Amino acid sequence: MKTYTDKAELVKEIKNSYQKYIDEFEEIPEELSDKQVENVDRTPSENLSYQLGWLSLLLDWETTEQQGLNVFTPAKGYKWNNLGGLYKSFYNEYGKLTLFEQKECLDKKVVDLCIWIVK
C-alpha cells in the first residue's frame, strides 16, 4: 500500500485520482445512465452510486464515532458477507438522481473527505 509523506500529499492524490475518475463521466448523456456496457460490471449511474455510497459511509462512520456512538460496519443491517445487498441500497438511494446530480453530490463528498483528512 502506498504511503504519503503528509496529509497534503494524500489530499493532492485524492483530488488527482478523483478528477481522472469523474472525467470518465463527462461525455455520458443522461439517456445512457442505466445502460450496461459489455465488460463493465456497473452502469454509469450504478458506478457513481457505488462511490457515493461508500464515501457517505466512511464520512458517517467518522461522524458517528466522534459523537461517541457505536459504528456499524459496513452499515446498519448489513454484514461484510452481504455487500451485494448494500450495493443495491446505494443504487436505490442515489440511482434516482440524474448523472449530473450524482456528480455534484460526489464532488461535495470528496471535498468533505479532504476537509476531514486535513483536520
PDB file of N, CA and C in Angstrom:
ATOM      1  N   MET A   1       0.843  -1.174   0.000  1.00  0.00           N
ATOM      2  CA  MET A   1       0.000   0.000   0.000  1.00  0.00           C
ATOM      3  C   MET A   1       0.892   1.241   0.000  1.00  0.00           C
ATOM      4  N   LYS A   2       0.542   2.173  -0.834  1.00  0.00           N
ATOM      5  CA  LYS A   2       1.323   3.404  -0.927  1.00  0.00           C
ATOM      6  C   LYS A   2       1.169   4.225   0.348  1.00  0.00           C
ATOM      7  N   THR A   3       2.239   4.844   0.765  1.00  0.00           N
ATOM      8  CA  THR A   3       2.191   5.749   1.914  1.00  0.00           C
ATOM      9  C   THR A   3       2.438   7.173   1.419  1.00  0.00           C
ATOM     10  N   TYR A   4       1.995   8.127   2.209  1.00  0.00           N
ATOM     11  CA  TYR A   4       2.105   9.536   1.836  1.00  0.00           C
ATOM     12  C   TYR A   4       2.899  10.257   2.910  1.00  0.00           C
ATOM     13  N   THR A   5       3.680  11.248   2.498  1.00  0.00           N
ATOM     14  CA  THR A   5       4.550  11.937   3.448  1.00  0.00           C
ATOM     15  C   THR A   5       3.763  12.792   4.430  1.00  0.00           C
ATOM     16  N   ASP A   6       2.610  13.295   3.987  1.00  0.00           N
ATOM     17  CA  ASP A   6       1.781  14.112   4.877  1.00  0.00           C
ATOM     18  C   ASP A   6       0.353  14.178   4.337  1.00  0.00           C
ATOM     19  N   LYS A   7      -0.506  14.841   5.079  1.00  0.00           N
ATOM     20  CA  LYS A   7      -1.914  14.948   4.699  1.00  0.00           C
ATOM     21  C   LYS A   7      -2.084  15.674   3.371  1.00  0.00           C
ATOM     22  N   ALA A   8      -1.282  16.698   3.157  1.00  0.00           N
ATOM     23  CA  ALA A   8      -1.399  17.477   1.916  1.00  0.00           C
ATOM     24  C   ALA A   8      -1.116  16.606   0.698  1.00  0.00           C
ATOM     25  N   GLU A   9      -0.140  15.730   0.802  1.00  0.00           N
ATOM     26  CA  GLU A   9       0.175  14.836  -0.322  1.00  0.00           C
ATOM     27  C   GLU A   9      -0.981  13.865  -0.566  1.00  0.00           C
ATOM     28  N   LEU A  10      -1.574  13.344   0.495  1.00  0.00           N
ATOM     29  CA  LEU A  10      -2.714  12.449   0.361  1.00  0.00           C
ATOM     30  C   LEU A  10      -3.900  13.166  -0.295  1.00  0.00           C
ATOM     31  N   VAL A  11      -4.196  14.356   0.166  1.00  0.00           N
ATOM     32  CA  VAL A  11      -5.313  15.127  -0.406  1.00  0.00           C
ATOM     33  C   VAL A  11      -5.058  15.420  -1.881  1.00  0.00           C
ATOM     34  N   LYS A  12      -3.840  15.761  -2.223  1.00  0.00           N
ATOM     35  CA  LYS A  12      -3.499  16.035  -3.623  1.00  0.00           C
ATOM     36  C   LYS A  12      -3.730  14.786  -4.475  1.00  0.00           C
ATOM     37  N   GLU A  13      -3.331  13.640  -3.973  1.00  0.00           N
ATOM     38  CA  GLU A  13      -3.519  12.388  -4.704  1.00  0.00           C
ATOM     39  C   GLU A  13      -5.006  12.055  -4.847  1.00  0.00           C
ATOM     40  N   ILE A  14      -5.777  12.268  -3.792  1.00  0.00           N
ATOM     41  CA  ILE A  14      -7.225  12.028  -3.860  1.00  0.00           C
ATOM     42  C   ILE A  14      -7.845  12.922  -4.927  1.00  0.00           C
ATOM     43  N   LYS A  15      -7.495  14.197  -4.923  1.00  0.00           N
ATOM     44  CA  LYS A  15      -8.052  15.129  -5.905  1.00  0.00           C
ATOM     45  C   LYS A  15      -7.664  14.753  -7.331  1.00  0.00           C
ATOM     46  N   ASN A  16      -6.405  14.381  -7.525  1.00  0.00           N
ATOM     47  CA  ASN A  16      -5.948  13.980  -8.859  1.00  0.00           C
ATOM     48  C   ASN A  16      -6.658  12.720  -9.335  1.00  0.00           C
ATOM     49  N   SER A  17      -6.733  11.723  -8.468  1.00  0.00           N
ATOM     50  CA  SER A  17      -7.394  10.467  -8.826  1.00  0.00           C
ATOM     51  C   SER A  17      -8.880  10.685  -9.073  1.00  0.00           C
ATOM     52  N   TYR A  18      -9.493  11.494  -8.220  1.00  0.00           N
ATOM     53  CA  TYR A  18     -10.915  11.764  -8.387  1.00  0.00           C
ATOM     54  C   TYR A  18     -11.174  12.470  -9.714  1.00  0.00           C
ATOM     55  N   GLN A  19     -10.345  13.414 -10.076  1.00  0.00           N
ATOM     56  CA  GLN A  19     -10.544  14.141 -11.339  1.00  0.00           C
ATOM     57  C   GLN A  19     -10.474  13.181 -12.518  1.00  0.00           C
ATOM     58  N   LYS A  20      -9.523  12.254 -12.495  1.00  0.00           N
ATOM     59  CA  LYS A  20      -9.426  11.263 -13.572  1.00  0.00           C
ATOM     60  C   LYS A  20     -10.685  10.402 -13.614  1.00  0.00           C
ATOM     61  N   TYR A  21     -11.163  10.003 -12.449  1.00  0.00           N
ATOM     62  CA  TYR A  21     -12.362   9.180 -12.358  1.00  0.00           C
ATOM     63  C   TYR A  21     -13.578   9.927 -12.897  1.00  0.00           C
ATOM     64  N   ILE A  22     -13.830  11.121 -12.390  1.00  0.00           N
ATOM     65  CA  ILE A  22     -15.053  11.846 -12.733  1.00  0.00           C
ATOM     66  C   ILE A  22     -15.045  12.307 -14.191  1.00  0.00           C
ATOM     67  N   ASP A  23     -13.871  12.546 -14.748  1.00  0.00           N
ATOM     68  CA  ASP A  23     -13.772  12.928 -16.159  1.00  0.00           C
ATOM     69  C   ASP A  23     -14.354  11.847 -17.073  1.00  0.00           C
ATOM     70  N   GLU A  24     -14.311  10.599 -16.635  1.00  0.00           N
ATOM     71  CA  GLU A  24     -14.858   9.496 -17.426  1.00  0.00           C
ATOM     72  C   GLU A  24     -16.367   9.649 -17.656  1.00  0.00           C
ATOM     73  N   PHE A  25     -17.033  10.439 -16.829  1.00  0.00           N
ATOM     74  CA  PHE A  25     -18.485  10.579 -16.913  1.00  0.00           C
ATOM     75  C   PHE A  25     -18.928  11.843 -17.646  1.00  0.00           C
ATOM     76  N   GLU A  26     -17.986  12.669 -18.048  1.00  0.00           N
ATOM     77  CA  GLU A  26     -18.325  13.957 -18.664  1.00  0.00           C
ATOM     78  C   GLU A  26     -19.106  13.825 -19.961  1.00  0.00           C
ATOM     79  N   GLU A  27     -18.793  12.861 -20.765  1.00  0.00           N
ATOM     80  CA  GLU A  27     -19.415  12.741 -22.083  1.00  0.00           C
ATOM     81  C   GLU A  27     -20.568  11.740 -22.118  1.00  0.00           C
ATOM     82  N   ILE A  28     -20.978  11.228 -20.972  1.00  0.00           N
ATOM     83  CA  ILE A  28     -22.066  10.247 -20.947  1.00  0.00           C
ATOM     84  C   ILE A  28     -23.390  10.995 -20.850  1.00  0.00           C
ATOM     85  N   PRO A  29     -24.237  10.853 -21.860  1.00  0.00           N
ATOM     86  CA  PRO A  29     -25.541  11.533 -21.806  1.00  0.00           C
ATOM     87  C   PRO A  29     -26.467  10.844 -20.810  1.00  0.00           C
ATOM     88  N   GLU A  30     -27.393  11.589 -20.287  1.00  0.00           N
ATOM     89  CA  GLU A  30     -28.325  11.075 -19.280  1.00  0.00           C
ATOM     90  C   GLU A  30     -29.069   9.830 -19.762  1.00  0.00           C
ATOM     91  N   GLU A  31     -29.400   9.785 -21.030  1.00  0.00           N
ATOM     92  CA  GLU A  31     -30.161   8.633 -21.530  1.00  0.00           C
ATOM     93  C   GLU A  31     -29.368   7.324 -21.486  1.00  0.00           C
ATOM     94  N   LEU A  32     -28.064   7.407 -21.261  1.00  0.00           N
ATOM     95  CA  LEU A  32     -27.245   6.199 -21.136  1.00  0.00           C
ATOM     96  C   LEU A  32     -26.872   5.887 -19.676  1.00  0.00           C
ATOM     97  N   SER A  33     -27.486   6.601 -18.738  1.00  0.00           N
ATOM     98  CA  SER A  33     -27.114   6.437 -17.328  1.00  0.00           C
ATOM     99  C   SER A  33     -27.336   5.026 -16.803  1.00  0.00           C
ATOM    100  N   ASP A  34     -28.325   4.330 -17.335  1.00  0.00           N
ATOM    101  CA  ASP A  34     -28.620   2.971 -16.877  1.00  0.00           C
ATOM    102  C   ASP A  34     -28.258   1.902 -17.909  1.00  0.00           C
ATOM    103  N   LYS A  35     -27.435   2.284 -18.865  1.00  0.00           N
ATOM    104  CA  LYS A  35     -27.032   1.366 -19.937  1.00  0.00           C
ATOM    105  C   LYS A  35     -25.864   0.504 -19.476  1.00  0.00           C
ATOM    106  N   GLN A  36     -26.064  -0.801 -19.571  1.00  0.00           N
ATOM    107  CA  GLN A  36     -25.000  -1.747 -19.248  1.00  0.00           C
ATOM    108  C   GLN A  36     -24.058  -1.837 -20.444  1.00  0.00           C
ATOM    109  N   VAL A  37     -22.772  -1.717 -20.211  1.00  0.00           N
ATOM    110  CA  VAL A  37     -21.769  -1.787 -21.263  1.00  0.00           C
ATOM    111  C   VAL A  37     -21.017  -3.103 -21.106  1.00  0.00           C
ATOM    112  N   GLU A  38     -20.732  -3.731 -22.218  1.00  0.00           N
ATOM    113  CA  GLU A  38     -20.015  -5.003 -22.196  1.00  0.00           C
ATOM    114  C   GLU A  38     -18.677  -4.853 -21.461  1.00  0.00           C
ATOM    115  N   ASN A  39     -18.367  -5.824 -20.628  1.00  0.00           N
ATOM    116  CA  ASN A  39     -17.124  -5.892 -19.847  1.00  0.00           C
ATOM    117  C   ASN A  39     -17.042  -4.845 -18.737  1.00  0.00           C
ATOM    118  N   VAL A  40     -18.158  -4.206 -18.417  1.00  0.00           N
ATOM    119  CA  VAL A  40     -18.209  -3.255 -17.304  1.00  0.00           C
ATOM    120  C   VAL A  40     -19.300  -3.749 -16.370  1.00  0.00           C
ATOM    121  N   ASP A  41     -18.966  -3.914 -15.093  1.00  0.00           N
ATOM    122  CA  ASP A  41     -19.915  -4.550 -14.174  1.00  0.00           C
ATOM    123  C   ASP A  41     -21.002  -3.631 -13.637  1.00  0.00           C
ATOM    124  N   ARG A  42     -20.894  -2.317 -13.849  1.00  0.00           N
ATOM    125  CA  ARG A  42     -21.915  -1.380 -13.368  1.00  0.00           C
ATOM    126  C   ARG A  42     -22.263  -0.380 -14.469  1.00  0.00           C
ATOM    127  N   THR A  43     -23.506   0.067 -14.447  1.00  0.00           N
ATOM    128  CA  THR A  43     -23.916   1.147 -15.345  1.00  0.00           C
ATOM    129  C   THR A  43     -23.273   2.436 -14.840  1.00  0.00           C
ATOM    130  N   PRO A  44     -23.286   3.502 -15.638  1.00  0.00           N
ATOM    131  CA  PRO A  44     -22.734   4.763 -15.137  1.00  0.00           C
ATOM    132  C   PRO A  44     -23.402   5.218 -13.828  1.00  0.00           C
ATOM    133  N   SER A  45     -24.718   5.117 -13.760  1.00  0.00           N
ATOM    134  CA  SER A  45     -25.426   5.520 -12.544  1.00  0.00           C
ATOM    135  C   SER A  45     -25.037   4.633 -11.355  1.00  0.00           C
ATOM    136  N   GLU A  46     -24.952   3.328 -11.584  1.00  0.00           N
ATOM    137  CA  GLU A  46     -24.550   2.419 -10.506  1.00  0.00           C
ATOM    138  C   GLU A  46     -23.126   2.714 -10.041  1.00  0.00           C
ATOM    139  N   ASN A  47     -22.260   3.041 -10.976  1.00  0.00           N
ATOM    140  CA  ASN A  47     -20.871   3.332 -10.629  1.00  0.00           C
ATOM    141  C   ASN A  47     -20.782   4.560  -9.725  1.00  0.00           C
ATOM    142  N   LEU A  48     -21.478   5.615 -10.102  1.00  0.00           N
ATOM    143  CA  LEU A  48     -21.479   6.823  -9.277  1.00  0.00           C
ATOM    144  C   LEU A  48     -22.166   6.566  -7.930  1.00  0.00           C
ATOM    145  N   SER A  49     -23.256   5.801  -7.949  1.00  0.00           N
ATOM    146  CA  SER A  49     -23.973   5.472  -6.716  1.00  0.00           C
ATOM    147  C   SER A  49     -23.084   4.675  -5.764  1.00  0.00           C
ATOM    148  N   TYR A  50     -22.319   3.760  -6.309  1.00  0.00           N
ATOM    149  CA  TYR A  50     -21.386   2.947  -5.525  1.00  0.00           C
ATOM    150  C   TYR A  50     -20.371   3.855  -4.809  1.00  0.00           C
ATOM    151  N   GLN A  51     -19.799   4.773  -5.549  1.00  0.00           N
ATOM    152  CA  GLN A  51     -18.812   5.682  -4.956  1.00  0.00           C
ATOM    153  C   GLN A  51     -19.462   6.585  -3.901  1.00  0.00           C
ATOM    154  N   LEU A  52     -20.635   7.090  -4.222  1.00  0.00           N
ATOM    155  CA  LEU A  52     -21.368   7.925  -3.264  1.00  0.00           C
ATOM    156  C   LEU A  52     -21.690   7.151  -1.991  1.00  0.00           C
ATOM    157  N   GLY A  53     -22.116   5.921  -2.154  1.00  0.00           N
ATOM    158  CA  GLY A  53     -22.469   5.105  -1.000  1.00  0.00           C
ATOM    159  C   GLY A  53     -21.288   4.862  -0.077  1.00  0.00           C
ATOM    160  N   TRP A  54     -20.172   4.436  -0.631  1.00  0.00           N
ATOM    161  CA  TRP A  54     -19.005   4.153   0.219  1.00  0.00           C
ATOM    162  C   TRP A  54     -18.437   5.412   0.853  1.00  0.00           C
ATOM    163  N   LEU A  55     -18.386   6.478   0.095  1.00  0.00           N
ATOM    164  CA  LEU A  55     -17.857   7.726   0.649  1.00  0.00           C
ATOM    165  C   LEU A  55     -18.774   8.256   1.744  1.00  0.00           C
ATOM    166  N   SER A  56     -20.068   8.135   1.544  1.00  0.00           N
ATOM    167  CA  SER A  56     -21.027   8.545   2.576  1.00  0.00           C
ATOM    168  C   SER A  56     -20.854   7.709   3.833  1.00  0.00           C
ATOM    169  N   LEU A  57     -20.689   6.409   3.656  1.00  0.00           N
ATOM    170  CA  LEU A  57     -20.476   5.539   4.819  1.00  0.00           C
ATOM    171  C   LEU A  57     -19.210   5.928   5.579  1.00  0.00           C
ATOM    172  N   LEU A  58     -18.131   6.131   4.862  1.00  0.00           N
ATOM    173  CA  LEU A  58     -16.867   6.498   5.506  1.00  0.00           C
ATOM    174  C   LEU A  58     -17.021   7.765   6.337  1.00  0.00           C
ATOM    175  N   LEU A  59     -17.627   8.770   5.765  1.00  0.00           N
ATOM    176  CA  LEU A  59     -17.818  10.031   6.484  1.00  0.00           C
ATOM    177  C   LEU A  59     -18.794   9.856   7.647  1.00  0.00           C
ATOM    178  N   ASP A  60     -19.821   9.038   7.457  1.00  0.00           N
ATOM    179  CA  ASP A  60     -20.775   8.772   8.541  1.00  0.00           C
ATOM    180  C   ASP A  60     -20.119   8.007   9.690  1.00  0.00           C
ATOM    181  N   TRP A  61     -19.236   7.061   9.363  1.00  0.00           N
ATOM    182  CA  TRP A  61     -18.533   6.326  10.425  1.00  0.00           C
ATOM    183  C   TRP A  61     -17.784   7.306  11.320  1.00  0.00           C
ATOM    184  N   GLU A  62     -17.097   8.239  10.714  1.00  0.00           N
ATOM    185  CA  GLU A  62     -16.310   9.208  11.474  1.00  0.00           C
ATOM    186  C   GLU A  62     -17.218  10.093  12.331  1.00  0.00           C
ATOM    187  N   THR A  63     -18.278  10.607  11.740  1.00  0.00           N
ATOM    188  CA  THR A  63     -19.210  11.457  12.482  1.00  0.00           C
ATOM    189  C   THR A  63     -19.815  10.701  13.659  1.00  0.00           C
ATOM    190  N   THR A  64     -20.245   9.490  13.411  1.00  0.00           N
ATOM    191  CA  THR A  64     -20.858   8.665  14.457  1.00  0.00           C
ATOM    192  C   THR A  64     -19.867   8.387  15.577  1.00  0.00           C
ATOM    193  N   GLU A  65     -18.644   8.046  15.207  1.00  0.00           N
ATOM    194  CA  GLU A  65     -17.608   7.773  16.211  1.00  0.00           C
ATOM    195  C   GLU A  65     -17.293   9.016  17.033  1.00  0.00           C
ATOM    196  N   GLN A  66     -17.220  10.168  16.382  1.00  0.00           N
ATOM    197  CA  GLN A  66     -16.939  11.420  17.089  1.00  0.00           C
ATOM    198  C   GLN A  66     -18.051  11.770  18.075  1.00  0.00           C
ATOM    199  N   GLN A  67     -19.264  11.301  17.805  1.00  0.00           N
ATOM    200  CA  GLN A  67     -20.386  11.535  18.709  1.00  0.00           C
ATOM    201  C   GLN A  67     -20.407  10.520  19.854  1.00  0.00           C
ATOM    202  N   GLY A  68     -19.447   9.604  19.857  1.00  0.00           N
ATOM    203  CA  GLY A  68     -19.369   8.602  20.908  1.00  0.00           C
ATOM    204  C   GLY A  68     -20.370   7.468  20.753  1.00  0.00           C
ATOM    205  N   LEU A  69     -20.930   7.324  19.575  1.00  0.00           N
ATOM    206  CA  LEU A  69     -21.913   6.280  19.322  1.00  0.00           C
ATOM    207  C   LEU A  69     -21.252   5.062  18.687  1.00  0.00           C
ATOM    208  N   ASN A  70     -21.953   3.941  18.729  1.00  0.00           N
ATOM    209  CA  ASN A  70     -21.445   2.717  18.103  1.00  0.00           C
ATOM    210  C   ASN A  70     -21.528   2.840  16.589  1.00  0.00           C
ATOM    211  N   VAL A  71     -20.464   2.464  15.939  1.00  0.00           N
ATOM    212  CA  VAL A  71     -20.403   2.480  14.488  1.00  0.00           C
ATOM    213  C   VAL A  71     -20.715   1.076  13.986  1.00  0.00           C
ATOM    214  N   PHE A  72     -21.663   0.981  13.072  1.00  0.00           N
ATOM    215  CA  PHE A  72     -21.998  -0.295  12.461  1.00  0.00           C
ATOM    216  C   PHE A  72     -21.284  -0.371  11.117  1.00  0.00           C
ATOM    217  N   THR A  73     -20.430  -1.373  10.977  1.00  0.00           N
ATOM    218  CA  THR A  73     -19.731  -1.543   9.706  1.00  0.00           C
ATOM    219  C   THR A  73     -20.116  -2.874   9.095  1.00  0.00           C
ATOM    220  N   PRO A  74     -20.328  -2.921   7.805  1.00  0.00           N
ATOM    221  CA  PRO A  74     -20.198  -1.788   6.905  1.00  0.00           C
ATOM    222  C   PRO A  74     -21.346  -0.775   7.053  1.00  0.00           C
ATOM    223  N   ALA A  75     -22.558  -1.246   7.385  1.00  0.00           N
ATOM    224  CA  ALA A  75     -23.694  -0.336   7.619  1.00  0.00           C
ATOM    225  C   ALA A  75     -24.723  -1.090   8.445  1.00  0.00           C
ATOM    226  N   LYS A  76     -25.526  -0.352   9.148  1.00  0.00           N
ATOM    227  CA  LYS A  76     -26.549  -0.978   9.977  1.00  0.00           C
ATOM    228  C   LYS A  76     -27.448  -1.854   9.096  1.00  0.00           C
ATOM    229  N   GLY A  77     -27.601  -3.099   9.525  1.00  0.00           N
ATOM    230  CA  GLY A  77     -28.431  -4.039   8.784  1.00  0.00           C
ATOM    231  C   GLY A  77     -27.683  -4.834   7.728  1.00  0.00           C
ATOM    232  N   TYR A  78     -26.396  -4.569   7.557  1.00  0.00           N
ATOM    233  CA  TYR A  78     -25.598  -5.278   6.555  1.00  0.00           C
ATOM    234  C   TYR A  78     -24.350  -5.852   7.205  1.00  0.00           C
ATOM    235  N   LYS A  79     -23.946  -7.000   6.714  1.00  0.00           N
ATOM    236  CA  LYS A  79     -22.712  -7.631   7.167  1.00  0.00           C
ATOM    237  C   LYS A  79     -21.743  -7.669   5.988  1.00  0.00           C
ATOM    238  N   TRP A  80     -20.492  -7.910   6.306  1.00  0.00           N
ATOM    239  CA  TRP A  80     -19.475  -7.917   5.266  1.00  0.00           C
ATOM    240  C   TRP A  80     -19.710  -9.018   4.237  1.00  0.00           C
ATOM    241  N   ASN A  81     -20.479 -10.056   4.621  1.00  0.00           N
ATOM    242  CA  ASN A  81     -20.759 -11.116   3.651  1.00  0.00           C
ATOM    243  C   ASN A  81     -22.033 -10.836   2.850  1.00  0.00           C
ATOM    244  N   ASN A  82     -22.588  -9.631   2.963  1.00  0.00           N
ATOM    245  CA  ASN A  82     -23.787  -9.244   2.214  1.00  0.00           C
ATOM    246  C   ASN A  82     -23.575  -7.889   1.535  1.00  0.00           C
ATOM    247  N   LEU A  83     -22.435  -7.720   0.932  1.00  0.00           N
ATOM    248  CA  LEU A  83     -22.166  -6.433   0.293  1.00  0.00           C
ATOM    249  C   LEU A  83     -23.039  -6.206  -0.931  1.00  0.00           C
ATOM    250  N   GLY A  84     -23.474  -7.272  -1.573  1.00  0.00           N
ATOM    251  CA  GLY A  84     -24.369  -7.113  -2.721  1.00  0.00           C
ATOM    252  C   GLY A  84     -25.644  -6.378  -2.332  1.00  0.00           C
ATOM    253  N   GLY A  85     -26.181  -6.716  -1.169  1.00  0.00           N
ATOM    254  CA  GLY A  85     -27.367  -6.028  -0.675  1.00  0.00           C
ATOM    255  C   GLY A  85     -27.082  -4.576  -0.360  1.00  0.00           C
ATOM    256  N   LEU A  86     -25.903  -4.313   0.187  1.00  0.00           N
ATOM    257  CA  LEU A  86     -25.510  -2.938   0.492  1.00  0.00           C
ATOM    258  C   LEU A  86     -25.395  -2.129  -0.799  1.00  0.00           C
ATOM    259  N   TYR A  87     -24.778  -2.724  -1.807  1.00  0.00           N
ATOM    260  CA  TYR A  87     -24.626  -2.019  -3.083  1.00  0.00           C
ATOM    261  C   TYR A  87     -25.985  -1.690  -3.681  1.00  0.00           C
ATOM    262  N   LYS A  88     -26.923  -2.622  -3.592  1.00  0.00           N
ATOM    263  CA  LYS A  88     -28.276  -2.363  -4.104  1.00  0.00           C
ATOM    264  C   LYS A  88     -28.909  -1.191  -3.358  1.00  0.00           C
ATOM    265  N   SER A  89     -28.616  -1.083  -2.052  1.00  0.00           N
ATOM    266  CA  SER A  89     -29.156   0.062  -1.304  1.00  0.00           C
ATOM    267  C   SER A  89     -28.543   1.367  -1.809  1.00  0.00           C
ATOM    268  N   PHE A  90     -27.265   1.340  -2.196  1.00  0.00           N
ATOM    269  CA  PHE A  90     -26.635   2.528  -2.787  1.00  0.00           C
ATOM    270  C   PHE A  90     -27.342   2.895  -4.088  1.00  0.00           C
ATOM    271  N   TYR A  91     -27.582   1.882  -4.939  1.00  0.00           N
ATOM    272  CA  TYR A  91     -28.217   2.133  -6.231  1.00  0.00           C
ATOM    273  C   TYR A  91     -29.622   2.695  -6.031  1.00  0.00           C
ATOM    274  N   ASN A  92     -30.341   2.159  -5.054  1.00  0.00           N
ATOM    275  CA  ASN A  92     -31.698   2.648  -4.780  1.00  0.00           C
ATOM    276  C   ASN A  92     -31.686   4.073  -4.252  1.00  0.00           C
ATOM    277  N   GLU A  93     -30.732   4.372  -3.378  1.00  0.00           N
ATOM    278  CA  GLU A  93     -30.686   5.706  -2.772  1.00  0.00           C
ATOM    279  C   GLU A  93     -30.235   6.778  -3.749  1.00  0.00           C
ATOM    280  N   TYR A  94     -29.161   6.506  -4.461  1.00  0.00           N
ATOM    281  CA  TYR A  94     -28.578   7.538  -5.321  1.00  0.00           C
ATOM    282  C   TYR A  94     -28.961   7.406  -6.792  1.00  0.00           C
ATOM    283  N   GLY A  95     -29.440   6.238  -7.185  1.00  0.00           N
ATOM    284  CA  GLY A  95     -29.781   5.987  -8.590  1.00  0.00           C
ATOM    285  C   GLY A  95     -30.967   6.776  -9.090  1.00  0.00           C
ATOM    286  N   LYS A  96     -31.763   7.309  -8.182  1.00  0.00           N
ATOM    287  CA  LYS A  96     -32.906   8.127  -8.616  1.00  0.00           C
ATOM    288  C   LYS A  96     -32.460   9.532  -9.027  1.00  0.00           C
ATOM    289  N   LEU A  97     -31.222   9.883  -8.723  1.00  0.00           N
ATOM    290  CA  LEU A  97     -30.666  11.176  -9.136  1.00  0.00           C
ATOM    291  C   LEU A  97     -30.175  11.092 -10.571  1.00  0.00           C
ATOM    292  N   THR A  98     -30.110  12.220 -11.251  1.00  0.00           N
ATOM    293  CA  THR A  98     -29.516  12.252 -12.587  1.00  0.00           C
ATOM    294  C   THR A  98     -28.006  12.078 -12.444  1.00  0.00           C
ATOM    295  N   LEU A  99     -27.349  11.787 -13.548  1.00  0.00           N
ATOM    296  CA  LEU A  99     -25.887  11.695 -13.517  1.00  0.00           C
ATOM    297  C   LEU A  99     -25.284  13.014 -13.040  1.00  0.00           C
ATOM    298  N   PHE A 100     -25.830  14.112 -13.524  1.00  0.00           N
ATOM    299  CA  PHE A 100     -25.332  15.430 -13.120  1.00  0.00           C
ATOM    300  C   PHE A 100     -25.462  15.604 -11.608  1.00  0.00           C
ATOM    301  N   GLU A 101     -26.609  15.251 -11.059  1.00  0.00           N
ATOM    302  CA  GLU A 101     -26.824  15.381  -9.615  1.00  0.00           C
ATOM    303  C   GLU A 101     -25.909  14.451  -8.823  1.00  0.00           C
ATOM    304  N   GLN A 102     -25.704  13.243  -9.337  1.00  0.00           N
ATOM    305  CA  GLN A 102     -24.796  12.311  -8.675  1.00  0.00           C
ATOM    306  C   GLN A 102     -23.373  12.866  -8.664  1.00  0.00           C
ATOM    307  N   LYS A 103     -22.957  13.435  -9.790  1.00  0.00           N
ATOM    308  CA  LYS A 103     -21.607  14.014  -9.854  1.00  0.00           C
ATOM    309  C   LYS A 103     -21.470  15.187  -8.891  1.00  0.00           C
ATOM    310  N   GLU A 104     -22.499  16.024  -8.805  1.00  0.00           N
ATOM    311  CA  GLU A 104     -22.468  17.148  -7.860  1.00  0.00           C
ATOM    312  C   GLU A 104     -22.346  16.651  -6.422  1.00  0.00           C
ATOM    313  N   CYS A 105     -23.134  15.632  -6.085  1.00  0.00           N
ATOM    314  CA  CYS A 105     -23.078  15.057  -4.723  1.00  0.00           C
ATOM    315  C   CYS A 105     -21.704  14.469  -4.448  1.00  0.00           C
ATOM    316  N   LEU A 106     -21.159  13.764  -5.429  1.00  0.00           N
ATOM    317  CA  LEU A 106     -19.846  13.148  -5.247  1.00  0.00           C
ATOM    318  C   LEU A 106     -18.761  14.211  -5.119  1.00  0.00           C
ATOM    319  N   ASP A 107     -18.859  15.271  -5.894  1.00  0.00           N
ATOM    320  CA  ASP A 107     -17.912  16.384  -5.771  1.00  0.00           C
ATOM    321  C   ASP A 107     -17.894  16.898  -4.324  1.00  0.00           C
ATOM    322  N   LYS A 108     -19.070  17.088  -3.768  1.00  0.00           N
ATOM    323  CA  LYS A 108     -19.177  17.598  -2.402  1.00  0.00           C
ATOM    324  C   LYS A 108     -18.609  16.596  -1.389  1.00  0.00           C
ATOM    325  N   LYS A 109     -18.884  15.321  -1.595  1.00  0.00           N
ATOM    326  CA  LYS A 109     -18.375  14.302  -0.671  1.00  0.00           C
ATOM    327  C   LYS A 109     -16.848  14.247  -0.704  1.00  0.00           C
ATOM    328  N   VAL A 110     -16.282  14.403  -1.876  1.00  0.00           N
ATOM    329  CA  VAL A 110     -14.814  14.386  -1.984  1.00  0.00           C
ATOM    330  C   VAL A 110     -14.225  15.605  -1.271  1.00  0.00           C
ATOM    331  N   VAL A 111     -14.861  16.752  -1.406  1.00  0.00           N
ATOM    332  CA  VAL A 111     -14.417  17.941  -0.674  1.00  0.00           C
ATOM    333  C   VAL A 111     -14.513  17.687   0.832  1.00  0.00           C
ATOM    334  N   ASP A 112     -15.638  17.108   1.263  1.00  0.00           N
ATOM    335  CA  ASP A 112     -15.812  16.791   2.688  1.00  0.00           C
ATOM    336  C   ASP A 112     -14.732  15.831   3.176  1.00  0.00           C
ATOM    337  N   LEU A 113     -14.399  14.852   2.370  1.00  0.00           N
ATOM    338  CA  LEU A 113     -13.349  13.889   2.727  1.00  0.00           C
ATOM    339  C   LEU A 113     -12.013  14.604   2.885  1.00  0.00           C
ATOM    340  N   CYS A 114     -11.690  15.480   1.962  1.00  0.00           N
ATOM    341  CA  CYS A 114     -10.411  16.201   2.014  1.00  0.00           C
ATOM    342  C   CYS A 114     -10.363  17.109   3.246  1.00  0.00           C
ATOM    343  N   ILE A 115     -11.464  17.745   3.565  1.00  0.00           N
ATOM    344  CA  ILE A 115     -11.518  18.583   4.762  1.00  0.00           C
ATOM    345  C   ILE A 115     -11.300  17.727   6.002  1.00  0.00           C
ATOM    346  N   TRP A 116     -11.949  16.579   6.049  1.00  0.00           N
ATOM    347  CA  TRP A 116     -11.800  15.661   7.188  1.00  0.00           C
ATOM    348  C   TRP A 116     -10.344  15.222   7.351  1.00  0.00           C
ATOM    349  N   ILE A 117      -9.679  14.941   6.251  1.00  0.00           N
ATOM    350  CA  ILE A 117      -8.287  14.465   6.287  1.00  0.00           C
ATOM    351  C   ILE A 117      -7.375  15.526   6.888  1.00  0.00           C
ATOM    352  N   VAL A 118      -7.547  16.782   6.495  1.00  0.00           N
ATOM    353  CA  VAL A 118      -6.626  17.823   6.942  1.00  0.00           C
ATOM    354  C   VAL A 118      -6.924  18.355   8.345  1.00  0.00           C
ATOM    355  N   LYS A 119      -8.047  17.960   8.913  1.00  0.00           N
ATOM    356  CA  LYS A 119      -8.375  18.418  10.283  1.00  0.00           C
ATOM    357  C   LYS A 119      -7.314  17.998  11.261  1.00  0.00           C
TER     358      LYS A 119
END
